[in-house]
Amino acid sequence: MDRQQLLKRLNKAWRDFQDSYAGLSDSQLVQPGVTGAWSVRDILAHVTTWEEEALKHLPHVVEGKKPPRYSVTYGGIHAFNAQKAEEKKNLSLAEVLRQQEDTHRRLMKLVAGTSEHQFTTDTRFRHRLRLDTYSHYSKHARAIRKWRDERS
């Protein structure tokens, strides 16, 4: 896989994620219960959090450094997710959407500017990018679609 192939994969997964909630009203976007108590708005904030983590840690991965272990720093991934959800719970839908757009744009710029070497082999960069982005998008897109189907 090269950078262009990975960017296509990332863009496809991103569009699929966005399509999963396209057409929902603002009141539907903030309705709890999509995933546990989370609304679509909460899921958008959560996905943005992980893109922010990618932006923070991918440059260090390229330098050969290891990102912090969430089990050590936060007490695990679930504790990290809970902490970040709490931090973002009072953001308006408009602010969540603005942060989402800005963060995704910056992430795409980072990926586009990263050395081709990071894409041609199974690097830690590719692994981290996959976990924080396109495999993560698809997980939440499926959850949103399931919730929408159950409401139909």
Protein backbone atom coordinates (compact mmCIF):
# COMPACT_ATOMS: atom_id res chain seq x y z
CA MET A 1 0.00 0.00 0.00
CA ASP A 2 1.25 3.47 -0.77
CA ARG A 3 0.18 6.87 0.58
CA GLN A 4 -2.40 7.43 -2.17
CA GLN A 5 -4.03 4.04 -1.57
CA LEU A 6 -4.13 4.70 2.15
CA LEU A 7 -5.60 8.17 1.62
CA LYS A 8 -8.30 6.62 -0.58
CA ARG A 9 -9.09 4.07 2.12
CA LEU A 10 -9.17 6.77 4.76
CA ASN A 11 -11.40 9.04 2.65
CA LYS A 12 -13.80 6.19 1.84
CA ALA A 13 -14.14 5.24 5.51
CA TRP A 14 -14.61 8.92 6.45
CA ARG A 15 -17.38 9.39 3.87
CA ASP A 16 -19.05 6.20 5.06
CA PHE A 17 -18.90 7.46 8.64
CA GLN A 18 -20.40 10.81 7.63
CA ASP A 19 -23.08 9.05 5.57
CA SER A 20 -24.09 7.03 8.65
CA TYR A 21 -25.54 10.15 10.29
CA ALA A 22 -26.36 12.21 7.20
CA GLY A 23 -29.88 13.57 7.19
CA LEU A 24 -30.42 13.36 10.94
CA SER A 25 -31.92 16.44 12.55
CA ASP A 26 -30.11 18.30 15.31
CA SER A 27 -32.49 16.77 17.86
CA GLN A 28 -31.72 13.28 16.55
CA LEU A 29 -27.98 13.97 16.65
CA VAL A 30 -28.15 14.74 20.38
CA GLN A 31 -30.54 11.93 21.34
CA PRO A 32 -28.83 9.54 23.77
CA GLY A 33 -28.82 5.79 23.35
CA VAL A 34 -26.91 5.24 20.12
CA THR A 35 -24.01 3.49 21.84
CA GLY A 36 -24.78 3.07 25.52
CA ALA A 37 -25.75 6.53 26.72
CA TRP A 38 -23.90 8.24 23.87
CA SER A 39 -25.67 10.24 21.19
CA VAL A 40 -24.39 10.69 17.64
CA ARG A 41 -22.97 14.03 18.85
CA ASP A 42 -21.04 12.17 21.55
CA ILE A 43 -19.75 9.68 18.98
CA LEU A 44 -18.60 12.54 16.73
CA ALA A 45 -16.75 14.11 19.68
CA HIS A 46 -15.23 10.70 20.50
CA VAL A 47 -14.03 10.10 16.94
CA THR A 48 -12.55 13.60 16.92
CA THR A 49 -10.75 12.82 20.18
CA TRP A 50 -9.04 9.87 18.54
CA GLU A 51 -8.09 11.93 15.51
CA GLU A 52 -6.60 14.46 17.96
CA GLU A 53 -4.64 11.60 19.52
CA ALA A 54 -3.38 10.61 16.07
CA LEU A 55 -2.29 14.20 15.41
CA LYS A 56 -0.49 14.28 18.74
CA HIS A 57 1.25 10.91 18.52
CA LEU A 58 1.86 10.12 14.84
CA PRO A 59 4.72 12.64 14.55
CA HIS A 60 6.39 10.97 17.54
CA VAL A 61 5.89 7.53 15.98
CA VAL A 62 7.64 8.75 12.81
CA GLU A 63 10.55 9.85 15.01
CA GLY A 64 10.76 6.33 16.45
CA LYS A 65 9.27 7.27 19.81
CA LYS A 66 6.54 5.27 21.51
CA PRO A 67 3.32 7.01 22.45
CA PRO A 68 2.26 6.77 26.10
CA ARG A 69 0.43 3.64 27.17
CA TYR A 70 -3.18 4.44 27.96
CA SER A 71 -3.22 1.75 30.65
CA VAL A 72 -0.44 3.57 32.51
CA THR A 73 -1.39 7.18 31.80
CA TYR A 74 -5.18 6.93 32.12
CA GLY A 75 -5.93 3.54 33.65
CA GLY A 76 -6.92 2.09 30.28
CA ILE A 77 -8.67 2.99 27.05
CA HIS A 78 -12.12 2.98 28.64
CA ALA A 79 -10.97 5.39 31.34
CA PHE A 80 -9.40 7.63 28.68
CA ASN A 81 -12.62 7.59 26.65
CA ALA A 82 -14.69 8.39 29.74
CA GLN A 83 -12.41 11.28 30.70
CA LYS A 84 -12.49 12.77 27.21
CA ALA A 85 -16.27 12.32 26.94
CA GLU A 86 -16.66 14.18 30.23
CA GLU A 87 -14.41 16.98 28.98
CA LYS A 88 -16.50 17.38 25.82
CA LYS A 89 -20.00 16.78 27.20
CA ASN A 90 -20.91 20.48 27.36
CA LEU A 91 -19.78 21.35 23.84
CA SER A 92 -22.60 22.41 21.57
CA LEU A 93 -23.41 20.35 18.51
CA ALA A 94 -22.08 23.20 16.37
CA GLU A 95 -18.79 23.21 18.28
CA VAL A 96 -18.44 19.43 17.99
CA LEU A 97 -19.02 19.66 14.24
CA ARG A 98 -16.53 22.52 13.91
CA GLN A 99 -13.88 20.62 15.88
CA GLN A 100 -14.55 17.52 13.82
CA GLU A 101 -14.05 19.34 10.53
CA ASP A 102 -10.93 21.18 11.69
CA THR A 103 -9.31 18.11 13.25
CA HIS A 104 -10.01 15.90 10.25
CA ARG A 105 -8.60 18.53 7.88
CA ARG A 106 -5.40 18.77 9.95
CA LEU A 107 -5.09 14.98 10.11
CA MET A 108 -5.42 14.64 6.34
CA LYS A 109 -2.74 17.31 5.90
CA LEU A 110 -0.43 15.42 8.28
CA VAL A 111 -0.95 12.13 6.44
CA ALA A 112 -0.45 13.76 3.04
CA GLY A 113 2.84 15.26 4.23
CA THR A 114 4.26 12.13 5.82
CA SER A 115 7.13 10.27 4.17
CA GLU A 116 6.08 7.61 1.67
CA HIS A 117 8.17 5.10 3.64
CA GLN A 118 5.58 5.15 6.41
CA PHE A 119 3.00 3.68 4.02
CA THR A 120 4.91 1.10 1.97
CA THR A 121 5.61 -1.30 4.84
CA ASP A 122 3.68 -2.36 7.90
CA THR A 123 4.94 0.47 10.09
CA ARG A 124 3.88 1.55 13.56
CA PHE A 125 2.65 4.74 11.84
CA ARG A 126 0.22 2.78 9.65
CA HIS A 127 -0.90 0.69 12.60
CA ARG A 128 -1.63 3.72 14.76
CA LEU A 129 -3.32 5.54 11.88
CA ARG A 130 -5.57 2.54 11.19
CA LEU A 131 -6.61 2.20 14.83
CA ASP A 132 -7.28 5.91 15.32
CA THR A 133 -9.03 6.52 12.00
CA TYR A 134 -10.49 4.27 9.34
CA SER A 135 -11.06 1.13 11.44
CA HIS A 136 -12.46 3.36 14.18
CA TYR A 137 -14.77 5.24 11.79
CA SER A 138 -16.28 2.02 10.50
CA LYS A 139 -16.99 0.71 14.00
CA HIS A 140 -18.99 3.81 14.88
CA ALA A 141 -20.65 4.05 11.46
CA ARG A 142 -22.01 0.52 12.00
CA ALA A 143 -23.31 1.47 15.46
CA ILE A 144 -25.07 4.56 14.12
CA ARG A 145 -26.62 2.64 11.24
CA LYS A 146 -27.82 -0.09 13.62
CA TRP A 147 -29.41 2.54 15.87
CA ARG A 148 -31.10 4.18 12.87
CA ASP A 149 -32.38 0.82 11.61
CA GLU A 150 -33.80 -0.05 15.04
CA ARG A 151 -35.72 3.25 15.07
CA SER A 152 -37.24 2.72 11.62
